[in-house]
Structures are given as C-alpha cells and as structure tokens.
PDB file of N, CA and C in Angstrom:
ATOM      1  N   MET A   1       1.267  -1.179  -0.060  1.00  0.00           N
ATOM      2  CA  MET A   1      -0.177  -0.371  -0.090  1.00  0.00           C
ATOM      3  C   MET A   1       0.800   1.131  -0.068  1.00  0.00           C
ATOM      4  N   SER A   2       0.581   2.065  -0.843  1.00  0.00           N
ATOM      5  CA  SER A   2       1.291   2.921  -1.465  1.00  0.00           C
ATOM      6  C   SER A   2       0.819   4.075  -0.415  1.00  0.00           C
ATOM      7  N   ILE A   3       1.633   5.410   0.702  1.00  0.00           N
ATOM      8  CA  ILE A   3       1.020   6.522   0.997  1.00  0.00           C
ATOM      9  C   ILE A   3      -0.166   7.150  -0.005  1.00  0.00           C
ATOM     10  N   LEU A   4       0.427   7.389  -0.670  1.00  0.00           N
ATOM     11  CA  LEU A   4      -0.678   8.461  -1.052  1.00  0.00           C
ATOM     12  C   LEU A   4      -2.439   7.419  -1.760  1.00  0.00           C
ATOM     13  N   ASP A   5      -2.672   5.775  -1.455  1.00  0.00           N
ATOM     14  CA  ASP A   5      -3.620   5.994  -1.599  1.00  0.00           C
ATOM     15  C   ASP A   5      -4.252   6.723  -0.120  1.00  0.00           C
ATOM     16  N   ASP A   6      -3.443   7.363   0.536  1.00  0.00           N
ATOM     17  CA  ASP A   6      -4.467   8.350   1.864  1.00  0.00           C
ATOM     18  C   ASP A   6      -4.987   9.295   0.807  1.00  0.00           C
ATOM     19  N   TYR A   7      -4.313   9.612   0.084  1.00  0.00           N
ATOM     20  CA  TYR A   7      -4.543  11.176  -0.448  1.00  0.00           C
ATOM     21  C   TYR A   7      -4.915  11.083  -2.047  1.00  0.00           C
ATOM     22  N   HIS A   8      -5.727  12.215  -2.553  1.00  0.00           N
ATOM     23  CA  HIS A   8      -6.666  12.155  -3.657  1.00  0.00           C
ATOM     24  C   HIS A   8      -5.929  13.556  -4.400  1.00  0.00           C
ATOM     25  N   GLU A   9      -4.933  13.479  -5.574  1.00  0.00           N
ATOM     26  CA  GLU A   9      -4.515  14.905  -5.975  1.00  0.00           C
ATOM     27  C   GLU A   9      -5.414  14.854  -7.069  1.00  0.00           C
ATOM     28  N   ILE A  10      -5.426  16.677  -7.562  1.00  0.00           N
ATOM     29  CA  ILE A  10      -6.193  17.240  -8.723  1.00  0.00           C
ATOM     30  C   ILE A  10      -5.248  18.002  -9.095  1.00  0.00           C
ATOM     31  N   GLU A  11      -4.597  17.723 -10.143  1.00  0.00           N
ATOM     32  CA  GLU A  11      -3.960  18.283 -11.407  1.00  0.00           C
ATOM     33  C   GLU A  11      -4.680  20.090 -11.436  1.00  0.00           C
ATOM     34  N   THR A  12      -3.146  20.565 -11.129  1.00  0.00           N
ATOM     35  CA  THR A  12      -3.662  22.525 -11.286  1.00  0.00           C
ATOM     36  C   THR A  12      -2.412  23.385 -12.092  1.00  0.00           C
ATOM     37  N   GLU A  13      -2.781  24.646 -12.963  1.00  0.00           N
ATOM     38  CA  GLU A  13      -1.878  25.403 -12.561  1.00  0.00           C
ATOM     39  C   GLU A  13      -1.897  26.760 -11.745  1.00  0.00           C
ATOM     40  N   ILE A  14      -0.714  26.826 -11.222  1.00  0.00           N
ATOM     41  CA  ILE A  14      -0.611  28.035  -9.889  1.00  0.00           C
ATOM     42  C   ILE A  14       0.500  28.646 -10.704  1.00  0.00           C
ATOM     43  N   ARG A  15      -0.124  30.417 -10.400  1.00  0.00           N
ATOM     44  CA  ARG A  15       1.004  31.370 -10.403  1.00  0.00           C
ATOM     45  C   ARG A  15       0.932  31.932  -8.747  1.00  0.00           C
ATOM     46  N   TYR A  16       2.192  32.369  -8.395  1.00  0.00           N
ATOM     47  CA  TYR A  16       2.582  32.735  -7.115  1.00  0.00           C
ATOM     48  C   TYR A  16       2.987  34.102  -7.366  1.00  0.00           C
ATOM     49  N   LEU A  17       2.633  34.556  -6.397  1.00  0.00           N
ATOM     50  CA  LEU A  17       2.089  36.160  -6.703  1.00  0.00           C
ATOM     51  C   LEU A  17       3.717  36.794  -5.859  1.00  0.00           C
ATOM     52  N   THR A  18       4.042  37.385  -6.641  1.00  0.00           N
ATOM     53  CA  THR A  18       5.858  38.148  -6.466  1.00  0.00           C
ATOM     54  C   THR A  18       5.429  38.784  -4.752  1.00  0.00           C
ATOM     55  N   THR A  19       6.648  39.010  -4.795  1.00  0.00           N
ATOM     56  CA  THR A  19       6.378  39.778  -2.655  1.00  0.00           C
ATOM     57  C   THR A  19       5.858  41.739  -3.486  1.00  0.00           C
ATOM     58  N   ALA A  20       6.104  41.922  -4.750  1.00  0.00           N
ATOM     59  CA  ALA A  20       5.848  43.241  -5.329  1.00  0.00           C
ATOM     60  C   ALA A  20       3.964  43.162  -5.153  1.00  0.00           C
ATOM     61  N   GLU A  21       3.216  42.140  -5.322  1.00  0.00           N
ATOM     62  CA  GLU A  21       1.900  42.165  -5.719  1.00  0.00           C
ATOM     63  C   GLU A  21       1.687  41.334  -4.517  1.00  0.00           C
ATOM     64  N   GLY A  22       2.346  41.585  -2.997  1.00  0.00           N
ATOM     65  CA  GLY A  22       1.746  41.310  -1.830  1.00  0.00           C
ATOM     66  C   GLY A  22       1.416  39.856  -1.431  1.00  0.00           C
ATOM     67  N   GLY A  23       2.194  38.637  -2.674  1.00  0.00           N
ATOM     68  CA  GLY A  23       2.772  37.789  -2.260  1.00  0.00           C
ATOM     69  C   GLY A  23       4.250  37.407  -1.216  1.00  0.00           C
ATOM     70  N   ARG A  24       4.677  36.223  -1.263  1.00  0.00           N
ATOM     71  CA  ARG A  24       5.654  35.670  -0.560  1.00  0.00           C
ATOM     72  C   ARG A  24       7.164  36.150  -0.699  1.00  0.00           C
ATOM     73  N   SER A  25       8.161  36.511   0.098  1.00  0.00           N
ATOM     74  CA  SER A  25       9.450  37.090  -0.248  1.00  0.00           C
ATOM     75  C   SER A  25      10.307  35.931  -0.447  1.00  0.00           C
ATOM     76  N   LYS A  26       9.893  34.802  -0.127  1.00  0.00           N
ATOM     77  CA  LYS A  26      10.912  34.026  -1.534  1.00  0.00           C
ATOM     78  C   LYS A  26       9.987  33.254  -2.371  1.00  0.00           C
ATOM     79  N   GLY A  27      10.035  32.039  -2.531  1.00  0.00           N
ATOM     80  CA  GLY A  27       9.889  30.943  -3.731  1.00  0.00           C
ATOM     81  C   GLY A  27       9.195  30.044  -2.573  1.00  0.00           C
ATOM     82  N   VAL A  28       8.784  28.474  -3.610  1.00  0.00           N
ATOM     83  CA  VAL A  28       8.043  27.971  -2.688  1.00  0.00           C
ATOM     84  C   VAL A  28       8.923  26.261  -3.483  1.00  0.00           C
ATOM     85  N   TRP A  29       8.887  25.209  -2.822  1.00  0.00           N
ATOM     86  CA  TRP A  29       9.168  23.968  -3.299  1.00  0.00           C
ATOM     87  C   TRP A  29       8.711  22.917  -3.278  1.00  0.00           C
ATOM     88  N   SER A  30       8.521  22.070  -3.981  1.00  0.00           N
ATOM     89  CA  SER A  30       7.720  21.120  -3.680  1.00  0.00           C
ATOM     90  C   SER A  30       7.445  20.369  -2.055  1.00  0.00           C
ATOM     91  N   GLY A  31       6.093  20.537  -1.762  1.00  0.00           N
ATOM     92  CA  GLY A  31       5.809  19.932  -0.088  1.00  0.00           C
ATOM     93  C   GLY A  31       5.046  21.123   0.242  1.00  0.00           C
ATOM     94  N   TYR A  32       5.357  22.502  -0.572  1.00  0.00           N
ATOM     95  CA  TYR A  32       4.572  23.328   0.041  1.00  0.00           C
ATOM     96  C   TYR A  32       3.223  23.405   0.451  1.00  0.00           C
ATOM     97  N   ARG A  33       2.896  23.964   2.298  1.00  0.00           N
ATOM     98  CA  ARG A  33       1.493  23.015   2.516  1.00  0.00           C
ATOM     99  C   ARG A  33       0.817  24.788   2.690  1.00  0.00           C
ATOM    100  N   GLY A  34       0.886  26.031   1.492  1.00  0.00           N
ATOM    101  CA  GLY A  34      -0.364  27.046   1.622  1.00  0.00           C
ATOM    102  C   GLY A  34      -1.077  26.286   1.197  1.00  0.00           C
ATOM    103  N   GLN A  35      -2.549  27.477   2.259  1.00  0.00           N
ATOM    104  CA  GLN A  35      -4.068  27.348   2.407  1.00  0.00           C
ATOM    105  C   GLN A  35      -4.607  26.608   0.659  1.00  0.00           C
ATOM    106  N   PHE A  36      -5.302  25.908   0.822  1.00  0.00           N
ATOM    107  CA  PHE A  36      -6.215  26.024  -0.655  1.00  0.00           C
ATOM    108  C   PHE A  36      -7.668  26.340  -0.646  1.00  0.00           C
ATOM    109  N   TYR A  37      -7.785  27.974  -1.123  1.00  0.00           N
ATOM    110  CA  TYR A  37      -8.766  28.557  -0.396  1.00  0.00           C
ATOM    111  C   TYR A  37     -10.122  28.326  -1.980  1.00  0.00           C
ATOM    112  N   TYR A  38     -11.149  28.495  -1.531  1.00  0.00           N
ATOM    113  CA  TYR A  38     -12.239  28.191  -2.317  1.00  0.00           C
ATOM    114  C   TYR A  38     -13.302  27.992  -1.385  1.00  0.00           C
ATOM    115  N   GLU A  39     -13.911  29.015  -2.247  1.00  0.00           N
ATOM    116  CA  GLU A  39     -15.966  29.324  -1.654  1.00  0.00           C
ATOM    117  C   GLU A  39     -15.316  29.734   0.058  1.00  0.00           C
ATOM    118  N   ASP A  40     -14.964  30.649  -0.114  1.00  0.00           N
ATOM    119  CA  ASP A  40     -14.740  31.595   1.276  1.00  0.00           C
ATOM    120  C   ASP A  40     -14.024  30.859   2.117  1.00  0.00           C
ATOM    121  N   GLU A  41     -13.729  29.649   2.171  1.00  0.00           N
ATOM    122  CA  GLU A  41     -12.969  28.555   3.241  1.00  0.00           C
ATOM    123  C   GLU A  41     -11.590  28.098   2.866  1.00  0.00           C
ATOM    124  N   ASP A  42     -10.425  27.627   3.600  1.00  0.00           N
ATOM    125  CA  ASP A  42      -9.757  27.376   3.129  1.00  0.00           C
ATOM    126  C   ASP A  42      -9.359  26.273   4.097  1.00  0.00           C
ATOM    127  N   PHE A  43      -8.602  25.278   2.947  1.00  0.00           N
ATOM    128  CA  PHE A  43      -8.399  24.296   3.133  1.00  0.00           C
ATOM    129  C   PHE A  43      -6.815  23.735   3.079  1.00  0.00           C
ATOM    130  N   ASP A  44      -7.050  22.702   3.713  1.00  0.00           N
ATOM    131  CA  ASP A  44      -5.084  21.754   3.228  1.00  0.00           C
ATOM    132  C   ASP A  44      -5.031  21.083   2.433  1.00  0.00           C
ATOM    133  N   GLY A  45      -4.531  21.339   1.667  1.00  0.00           N
ATOM    134  CA  GLY A  45      -3.663  20.858   0.230  1.00  0.00           C
ATOM    135  C   GLY A  45      -2.099  20.874  -0.178  1.00  0.00           C
ATOM    136  N   SER A  46      -1.738  19.798   0.418  1.00  0.00           N
ATOM    137  CA  SER A  46       0.229  20.086   0.004  1.00  0.00           C
ATOM    138  C   SER A  46       0.677  20.316  -1.689  1.00  0.00           C
ATOM    139  N   GLN A  47       1.119  21.105  -2.057  1.00  0.00           N
ATOM    140  CA  GLN A  47       1.520  21.244  -3.241  1.00  0.00           C
ATOM    141  C   GLN A  47       2.856  20.398  -4.401  1.00  0.00           C
ATOM    142  N   PHE A  48       2.584  19.783  -5.079  1.00  0.00           N
ATOM    143  CA  PHE A  48       3.636  19.923  -5.512  1.00  0.00           C
ATOM    144  C   PHE A  48       3.966  19.553  -6.969  1.00  0.00           C
ATOM    145  N   PHE A  49       5.442  19.779  -7.956  1.00  0.00           N
ATOM    146  CA  PHE A  49       5.683  20.492  -8.638  1.00  0.00           C
ATOM    147  C   PHE A  49       6.198  19.374  -9.346  1.00  0.00           C
ATOM    148  N   PRO A  50       5.498  18.472 -10.514  1.00  0.00           N
ATOM    149  CA  PRO A  50       5.851  17.168 -11.365  1.00  0.00           C
ATOM    150  C   PRO A  50       6.701  18.097 -12.088  1.00  0.00           C
ATOM    151  N   ASP A  51       7.386  18.450 -12.614  1.00  0.00           N
ATOM    152  CA  ASP A  51       7.899  19.067 -13.833  1.00  0.00           C
ATOM    153  C   ASP A  51       8.840  20.118 -13.103  1.00  0.00           C
ATOM    154  N   ILE A  52       9.127  20.065 -11.501  1.00  0.00           N
ATOM    155  CA  ILE A  52      10.294  20.952 -11.242  1.00  0.00           C
ATOM    156  C   ILE A  52      11.266  20.385 -10.661  1.00  0.00           C
ATOM    157  N   ALA A  53      12.688  19.947 -10.325  1.00  0.00           N
ATOM    158  CA  ALA A  53      13.368  19.304  -9.427  1.00  0.00           C
ATOM    159  C   ALA A  53      12.744  19.032  -7.784  1.00  0.00           C
ATOM    160  N   ASP A  54      12.962  18.846  -7.078  1.00  0.00           N
ATOM    161  CA  ASP A  54      12.392  18.877  -5.755  1.00  0.00           C
ATOM    162  C   ASP A  54      13.694  19.954  -5.004  1.00  0.00           C
ATOM    163  N   ASP A  55      14.726  19.791  -5.505  1.00  0.00           N
ATOM    164  CA  ASP A  55      15.420  20.679  -4.814  1.00  0.00           C
ATOM    165  C   ASP A  55      15.041  21.869  -5.415  1.00  0.00           C
ATOM    166  N   GLU A  56      14.551  22.564  -6.295  1.00  0.00           N
ATOM    167  CA  GLU A  56      14.449  23.172  -6.712  1.00  0.00           C
ATOM    168  C   GLU A  56      13.401  24.235  -6.736  1.00  0.00           C
ATOM    169  N   MET A  57      14.192  25.265  -6.306  1.00  0.00           N
ATOM    170  CA  MET A  57      12.650  26.714  -6.360  1.00  0.00           C
ATOM    171  C   MET A  57      11.628  27.260  -6.944  1.00  0.00           C
ATOM    172  N   VAL A  58      10.269  27.022  -7.137  1.00  0.00           N
ATOM    173  CA  VAL A  58       9.367  27.517  -8.048  1.00  0.00           C
ATOM    174  C   VAL A  58       9.691  29.056  -7.889  1.00  0.00           C
ATOM    175  N   GLU A  59      10.000  29.779  -8.696  1.00  0.00           N
ATOM    176  CA  GLU A  59      10.137  31.363  -8.864  1.00  0.00           C
ATOM    177  C   GLU A  59       8.680  32.292  -8.466  1.00  0.00           C
ATOM    178  N   LEU A  60       8.995  33.330  -7.707  1.00  0.00           N
ATOM    179  CA  LEU A  60       7.679  33.522  -7.155  1.00  0.00           C
ATOM    180  C   LEU A  60       7.323  34.730  -9.033  1.00  0.00           C
ATOM    181  N   GLY A  61       6.415  34.912  -9.119  1.00  0.00           N
ATOM    182  CA  GLY A  61       5.443  35.341 -10.844  1.00  0.00           C
ATOM    183  C   GLY A  61       5.949  34.745 -11.967  1.00  0.00           C
ATOM    184  N   THR A  62       5.569  33.328 -12.243  1.00  0.00           N
ATOM    185  CA  THR A  62       5.838  32.248 -13.020  1.00  0.00           C
ATOM    186  C   THR A  62       4.828  31.392 -12.016  1.00  0.00           C
ATOM    187  N   SER A  63       4.450  30.770 -13.807  1.00  0.00           N
ATOM    188  CA  SER A  63       2.370  29.841 -13.606  1.00  0.00           C
ATOM    189  C   SER A  63       3.978  28.372 -13.158  1.00  0.00           C
ATOM    190  N   VAL A  64       2.939  27.830 -13.130  1.00  0.00           N
ATOM    191  CA  VAL A  64       3.543  26.185 -12.740  1.00  0.00           C
ATOM    192  C   VAL A  64       2.071  24.868 -12.631  1.00  0.00           C
ATOM    193  N   ARG A  65       3.067  24.228 -13.253  1.00  0.00           N
ATOM    194  CA  ARG A  65       2.009  22.789 -13.009  1.00  0.00           C
ATOM    195  C   ARG A  65       1.922  22.529 -11.846  1.00  0.00           C
ATOM    196  N   ALA A  66       0.667  22.286 -10.983  1.00  0.00           N
ATOM    197  CA  ALA A  66       0.743  21.541  -9.881  1.00  0.00           C
ATOM    198  C   ALA A  66       0.056  20.778  -9.196  1.00  0.00           C
ATOM    199  N   LEU A  67       0.875  19.547  -8.654  1.00  0.00           N
ATOM    200  CA  LEU A  67      -0.290  18.595  -8.038  1.00  0.00           C
ATOM    201  C   LEU A  67      -1.035  18.757  -6.295  1.00  0.00           C
ATOM    202  N   VAL A  68      -2.150  18.753  -6.379  1.00  0.00           N
ATOM    203  CA  VAL A  68      -2.155  19.496  -4.948  1.00  0.00           C
ATOM    204  C   VAL A  68      -2.933  18.198  -4.295  1.00  0.00           C
ATOM    205  N   ARG A  69      -2.783  17.874  -3.000  1.00  0.00           N
ATOM    206  CA  ARG A  69      -2.626  16.454  -2.284  1.00  0.00           C
ATOM    207  C   ARG A  69      -3.906  16.925  -1.637  1.00  0.00           C
ATOM    208  N   PHE A  70      -4.985  16.041  -1.208  1.00  0.00           N
ATOM    209  CA  PHE A  70      -5.927  16.387  -0.429  1.00  0.00           C
ATOM    210  C   PHE A  70      -6.192  14.996   0.390  1.00  0.00           C
ATOM    211  N   LEU A  71      -6.478  14.955   1.706  1.00  0.00           N
ATOM    212  CA  LEU A  71      -6.291  13.534   2.642  1.00  0.00           C
ATOM    213  C   LEU A  71      -7.637  12.731   1.837  1.00  0.00           C
ATOM    214  N   ARG A  72      -7.265  11.502   1.306  1.00  0.00           N
ATOM    215  CA  ARG A  72      -8.815  11.290   0.944  1.00  0.00           C
ATOM    216  C   ARG A  72     -10.264  10.709   1.577  1.00  0.00           C
ATOM    217  N   GLU A  73     -10.017  10.941   2.906  1.00  0.00           N
ATOM    218  CA  GLU A  73     -11.299  10.970   3.397  1.00  0.00           C
ATOM    219  C   GLU A  73     -12.343  13.206   3.134  1.00  0.00           C
ATOM    220  N   ARG A  74     -11.112  13.334   3.319  1.00  0.00           N
ATOM    221  CA  ARG A  74     -11.489  14.408   3.234  1.00  0.00           C
ATOM    222  C   ARG A  74     -11.688  15.082   1.731  1.00  0.00           C
ATOM    223  N   TRP A  75     -11.252  14.904   0.814  1.00  0.00           N
ATOM    224  CA  TRP A  75     -11.721  14.838  -0.537  1.00  0.00           C
ATOM    225  C   TRP A  75     -12.826  14.085  -0.523  1.00  0.00           C
ATOM    226  N   GLU A  76     -13.342  13.140  -0.470  1.00  0.00           N
ATOM    227  CA  GLU A  76     -14.780  12.184  -0.370  1.00  0.00           C
ATOM    228  C   GLU A  76     -15.979  12.904   0.237  1.00  0.00           C
ATOM    229  N   ASP A  77     -15.100  13.563   1.431  1.00  0.00           N
ATOM    230  CA  ASP A  77     -16.406  13.834   2.714  1.00  0.00           C
ATOM    231  C   ASP A  77     -16.603  15.459   2.091  1.00  0.00           C
ATOM    232  N   VAL A  78     -15.693  16.292   1.456  1.00  0.00           N
ATOM    233  CA  VAL A  78     -15.531  17.569   0.971  1.00  0.00           C
ATOM    234  C   VAL A  78     -15.683  17.899   0.293  1.00  0.00           C
ATOM    235  N   HIS A  79     -14.360  17.733  -1.002  1.00  0.00           N
ATOM    236  CA  HIS A  79     -14.379  18.442  -1.833  1.00  0.00           C
ATOM    237  C   HIS A  79     -14.667  17.456  -3.138  1.00  0.00           C
ATOM    238  N   ALA A  80     -15.003  16.132  -3.160  1.00  0.00           N
ATOM    239  CA  ALA A  80     -15.135  15.344  -4.418  1.00  0.00           C
ATOM    240  C   ALA A  80     -16.853  16.600  -5.536  1.00  0.00           C
ATOM    241  N   ALA A  81     -17.112  16.913  -4.624  1.00  0.00           N
ATOM    242  CA  ALA A  81     -18.358  17.735  -4.924  1.00  0.00           C
ATOM    243  C   ALA A  81     -18.642  18.966  -5.476  1.00  0.00           C
ATOM    244  N   ARG A  82     -17.150  19.437  -5.082  1.00  0.00           N
ATOM    245  CA  ARG A  82     -17.505  21.169  -4.770  1.00  0.00           C
ATOM    246  C   ARG A  82     -16.339  21.115  -5.884  1.00  0.00           C
ATOM    247  N   ILE A  83     -14.834  20.681  -5.891  1.00  0.00           N
ATOM    248  CA  ILE A  83     -13.936  20.734  -6.916  1.00  0.00           C
ATOM    249  C   ILE A  83     -14.138  21.103  -8.404  1.00  0.00           C
ATOM    250  N   THR A  84     -14.186  21.303  -9.341  1.00  0.00           N
ATOM    251  CA  THR A  84     -14.544  21.097 -11.319  1.00  0.00           C
ATOM    252  C   THR A  84     -13.211  21.749 -11.733  1.00  0.00           C
ATOM    253  N   ILE A  85     -13.103  20.666 -12.855  1.00  0.00           N
ATOM    254  CA  ILE A  85     -12.119  21.428 -13.816  1.00  0.00           C
ATOM    255  C   ILE A  85     -12.243  22.907 -14.036  1.00  0.00           C
ATOM    256  N   GLY A  86     -11.550  23.687 -14.298  1.00  0.00           N
ATOM    257  CA  GLY A  86     -12.266  25.165 -14.374  1.00  0.00           C
ATOM    258  C   GLY A  86     -12.465  26.402 -13.310  1.00  0.00           C
ATOM    259  N   MET A  87     -12.488  25.983 -12.485  1.00  0.00           N
ATOM    260  CA  MET A  87     -12.335  26.188 -11.019  1.00  0.00           C
ATOM    261  C   MET A  87     -11.307  27.140 -10.508  1.00  0.00           C
ATOM    262  N   PRO A  88     -11.292  28.505 -10.836  1.00  0.00           N
ATOM    263  CA  PRO A  88     -10.390  29.579  -9.795  1.00  0.00           C
ATOM    264  C   PRO A  88     -10.376  28.811  -8.224  1.00  0.00           C
ATOM    265  N   PHE A  89      -9.274  29.387  -7.901  1.00  0.00           N
ATOM    266  CA  PHE A  89      -8.995  29.298  -6.196  1.00  0.00           C
ATOM    267  C   PHE A  89      -7.633  30.423  -5.714  1.00  0.00           C
ATOM    268  N   GLU A  90      -7.154  30.114  -4.263  1.00  0.00           N
ATOM    269  CA  GLU A  90      -6.600  31.111  -4.673  1.00  0.00           C
ATOM    270  C   GLU A  90      -5.276  29.940  -3.105  1.00  0.00           C
ATOM    271  N   ILE A  91      -4.091  30.185  -3.428  1.00  0.00           N
ATOM    272  CA  ILE A  91      -3.391  30.135  -2.425  1.00  0.00           C
ATOM    273  C   ILE A  91      -2.755  31.225  -1.138  1.00  0.00           C
ATOM    274  N   ARG A  92      -3.349  30.379   0.183  1.00  0.00           N
ATOM    275  CA  ARG A  92      -3.484  31.845   1.144  1.00  0.00           C
ATOM    276  C   ARG A  92      -2.272  31.143   2.050  1.00  0.00           C
ATOM    277  N   GLU A  93      -2.025  32.298   2.812  1.00  0.00           N
ATOM    278  CA  GLU A  93      -1.252  31.917   4.139  1.00  0.00           C
ATOM    279  C   GLU A  93      -1.886  32.977   4.996  1.00  0.00           C
ATOM    280  N   GLY A  94      -2.657  32.290   6.009  1.00  0.00           N
ATOM    281  CA  GLY A  94      -3.541  33.070   6.913  1.00  0.00           C
ATOM    282  C   GLY A  94      -4.362  33.833   6.234  1.00  0.00           C
ATOM    283  N   ALA A  95      -4.529  35.200   6.158  1.00  0.00           N
ATOM    284  CA  ALA A  95      -5.422  36.000   5.085  1.00  0.00           C
ATOM    285  C   ALA A  95      -4.544  36.459   4.085  1.00  0.00           C
ATOM    286  N   ARG A  96      -3.486  36.126   3.757  1.00  0.00           N
ATOM    287  CA  ARG A  96      -2.821  36.586   2.612  1.00  0.00           C
ATOM    288  C   ARG A  96      -2.681  35.869   1.715  1.00  0.00           C
ATOM    289  N   THR A  97      -3.112  36.069   0.237  1.00  0.00           N
ATOM    290  CA  THR A  97      -3.343  35.607  -1.038  1.00  0.00           C
ATOM    291  C   THR A  97      -1.850  35.393  -1.799  1.00  0.00           C
ATOM    292  N   VAL A  98      -1.048  34.352  -1.315  1.00  0.00           N
ATOM    293  CA  VAL A  98       0.144  34.315  -2.025  1.00  0.00           C
ATOM    294  C   VAL A  98       0.445  33.659  -2.935  1.00  0.00           C
ATOM    295  N   GLY A  99      -0.875  33.255  -4.189  1.00  0.00           N
ATOM    296  CA  GLY A  99      -0.677  32.448  -5.160  1.00  0.00           C
ATOM    297  C   GLY A  99      -2.490  32.335  -5.532  1.00  0.00           C
ATOM    298  N   ARG A 100      -2.421  32.267  -6.898  1.00  0.00           N
ATOM    299  CA  ARG A 100      -3.981  32.094  -7.563  1.00  0.00           C
ATOM    300  C   ARG A 100      -3.676  30.922  -8.745  1.00  0.00           C
ATOM    301  N   GLY A 101      -4.881  30.226  -8.877  1.00  0.00           N
ATOM    302  CA  GLY A 101      -4.687  29.058  -9.821  1.00  0.00           C
ATOM    303  C   GLY A 101      -6.013  28.747 -10.566  1.00  0.00           C
ATOM    304  N   VAL A 102      -5.965  27.760 -11.440  1.00  0.00           N
ATOM    305  CA  VAL A 102      -7.141  26.834 -11.548  1.00  0.00           C
ATOM    306  C   VAL A 102      -7.124  25.659 -12.014  1.00  0.00           C
ATOM    307  N   VAL A 103      -8.368  25.113 -11.820  1.00  0.00           N
ATOM    308  CA  VAL A 103      -8.129  23.163 -11.714  1.00  0.00           C
ATOM    309  C   VAL A 103      -8.145  23.141 -12.671  1.00  0.00           C
ATOM    310  N   VAL A 104      -7.285  22.056 -13.486  1.00  0.00           N
ATOM    311  CA  VAL A 104      -7.152  21.560 -14.405  1.00  0.00           C
ATOM    312  C   VAL A 104      -7.967  20.045 -14.873  1.00  0.00           C
ATOM    313  N   ASN A 105      -7.710  19.201 -13.816  1.00  0.00           N
ATOM    314  CA  ASN A 105      -7.983  17.976 -13.719  1.00  0.00           C
ATOM    315  C   ASN A 105      -8.164  17.154 -12.386  1.00  0.00           C
ATOM    316  N   VAL A 106      -9.214  17.078 -12.017  1.00  0.00           N
ATOM    317  CA  VAL A 106      -9.741  16.557 -10.730  1.00  0.00           C
ATOM    318  C   VAL A 106      -9.521  14.917 -10.991  1.00  0.00           C
TER     319      VAL A 106
END
C-alpha cells in the first residue's frame, strides 16, 4: 500500500504572486503547504511540482503545474462534489493571498 492511497491529487496551474504583488518573500518548493482557498474557506492541500526537481525552487511570478494533495477522507467528504475543472482558487497564508490558480484535472 502506497502513502498516496491516503490522498487524492488534483492537477492545477498556479501562479505564485511576487513580493511586490503582496505575495511571499521567497519562492516555494515541492511539499509547500499554503492553504487551498475556495468558496470562502481555507483547506489543507500540499502542493507538489512534477515538472520541477525537488531541490529546485518555484520562482515567484511564474506559473507552474502543481499537484495538490488532499487527505482522501476529506476529498470524499468535502471536496469531491465542489472542486471542478476550470474552477479558480487561491493559495493563502493566513488571510494573505500568495498565489492564484485554476483546476486542470480532478
């Protein structure tokens, strides 16, 4: 049994805001845990970047393909009926928006 059996992944396209746009002061790496925000709620969703080496940072201001992982139970109970292809979302740290994206595949 794989650890991924405990998660459901969705494919997204995310652009992390630059510092001048109110975003982070540094880029992000695979495993980043900014909050996945939609429908006025924040949710845990770790972000992984399959097209970028694990030791490579995602530069702020660039768009990147990201896989967002939700605990499988939370996916089934909360997200499965609400997250749809083409849906916009934000990545937040507290009340601050640090990225914006769109769902590509569920």
